């Protein structure tokens, strides 16, 4: 069998939904529901996180996955990005990473 997931993309963020071929209509419905909740700023967030990761790598500072999970508080980060305040989002993420490290 050939299974094609239902997906959408926000820049470098790709979200795919599959029901393993059991119900393509349901996969599409779930994808549409998710798509409404993922604004374009989520793609920008991926780029921001990549930028911060590279900065920490250049400083030879390793961040554990658990620390990233704690630091990635999406509410303030997304609010800053929606307002076009990318530098505030970046500063907040760096501050959180340093706090939880």
Protein backbone atom coordinates (compact mmCIF):
# COMPACT_ATOMS: atom_id res chain seq x y z
CA UNK A 1 0.00 0.00 0.00
CA UNK A 2 1.03 3.56 -0.70
CA UNK A 3 0.28 6.03 2.12
CA UNK A 4 0.52 9.79 1.67
CA UNK A 5 0.37 11.87 4.84
CA UNK A 6 -1.59 15.09 4.98
CA UNK A 7 0.85 17.89 5.75
CA UNK A 8 1.37 21.62 5.87
CA UNK A 9 4.47 23.76 6.00
CA UNK A 10 5.48 26.98 7.73
CA UNK A 11 8.91 27.76 6.32
CA UNK A 12 11.19 25.10 7.91
CA UNK A 13 8.43 23.62 10.05
CA UNK A 14 6.62 20.71 8.42
CA UNK A 15 3.71 19.07 10.24
CA UNK A 16 2.41 15.78 8.84
CA UNK A 17 -0.60 13.73 9.89
CA UNK A 18 -1.25 10.13 8.92
CA UNK A 19 -3.85 7.56 9.83
CA UNK A 20 -1.72 4.82 8.20
CA UNK A 21 -4.13 4.80 5.27
CA UNK A 22 -7.14 3.99 7.46
CA UNK A 23 -8.92 7.32 6.89
CA UNK A 24 -7.37 9.92 4.60
CA UNK A 25 -10.40 12.16 5.20
CA UNK A 26 -9.76 12.13 8.95
CA UNK A 27 -6.05 12.84 8.42
CA UNK A 28 -7.01 15.83 6.28
CA UNK A 29 -9.50 17.08 8.87
CA UNK A 30 -6.90 16.83 11.66
CA UNK A 31 -4.32 18.56 9.46
CA UNK A 32 -6.76 21.40 8.73
CA UNK A 33 -7.45 21.82 12.45
CA UNK A 34 -3.74 21.94 13.27
CA UNK A 35 -3.01 24.26 10.36
CA UNK A 36 -5.40 26.88 11.75
CA UNK A 37 -3.39 26.96 14.99
CA UNK A 38 0.09 27.22 13.49
CA UNK A 39 0.68 30.77 12.23
CA UNK A 40 3.53 31.78 9.95
CA UNK A 41 5.46 32.84 13.05
CA UNK A 42 6.08 29.17 13.86
CA UNK A 43 8.33 29.00 10.81
CA UNK A 44 10.14 32.08 12.09
CA UNK A 45 10.49 30.39 15.49
CA UNK A 46 12.29 27.46 13.85
CA UNK A 47 14.79 29.89 12.31
CA UNK A 48 15.23 31.69 15.63
CA UNK A 49 15.92 28.45 17.50
CA UNK A 50 18.41 27.40 14.82
CA UNK A 51 20.20 30.74 15.17
CA UNK A 52 20.44 30.41 18.96
CA UNK A 53 21.62 26.79 18.68
CA UNK A 54 24.41 27.84 16.32
CA UNK A 55 25.46 30.67 18.65
CA UNK A 56 25.67 28.26 21.58
CA UNK A 57 27.67 25.80 19.45
CA UNK A 58 30.13 28.54 18.47
CA UNK A 59 30.59 29.29 22.18
CA UNK A 60 31.15 25.56 22.70
CA UNK A 61 28.24 25.56 25.15
CA UNK A 62 26.22 22.36 25.06
CA UNK A 63 22.53 22.52 25.94
CA UNK A 64 20.77 19.34 27.00
CA UNK A 65 17.49 18.43 25.28
CA UNK A 66 15.64 18.72 28.61
CA UNK A 67 16.90 22.28 28.95
CA UNK A 68 15.61 23.15 25.49
CA UNK A 69 12.22 21.71 26.42
CA UNK A 70 12.03 23.87 29.53
CA UNK A 71 13.33 27.00 27.77
CA UNK A 72 10.96 26.77 24.82
CA UNK A 73 8.02 28.47 26.51
CA UNK A 74 6.03 29.14 23.36
CA UNK A 75 3.62 31.75 24.74
CA UNK A 76 6.06 34.64 25.23
CA UNK A 77 8.18 33.66 22.24
CA UNK A 78 5.19 33.60 19.88
CA UNK A 79 3.81 36.86 21.29
CA UNK A 80 7.10 38.63 20.57
CA UNK A 81 7.28 37.16 17.06
CA UNK A 82 3.67 38.13 16.28
CA UNK A 83 4.50 41.71 17.29
CA UNK A 84 7.61 41.66 15.09
CA UNK A 85 9.90 41.74 18.14
CA UNK A 86 12.32 39.02 17.05
CA UNK A 87 15.23 40.31 19.14
CA UNK A 88 13.09 40.22 22.30
CA UNK A 89 12.08 36.64 21.47
CA UNK A 90 15.74 35.73 20.98
CA UNK A 91 16.81 37.41 24.23
CA UNK A 92 14.01 35.63 26.10
CA UNK A 93 15.04 32.24 24.71
CA UNK A 94 18.71 32.81 25.57
CA UNK A 95 17.77 33.95 29.07
CA UNK A 96 15.63 30.85 29.58
CA UNK A 97 18.38 28.55 28.32
CA UNK A 98 20.87 30.14 30.71
CA UNK A 99 18.38 29.92 33.58
CA UNK A 100 17.69 26.22 33.08
CA UNK A 101 21.30 25.21 32.26
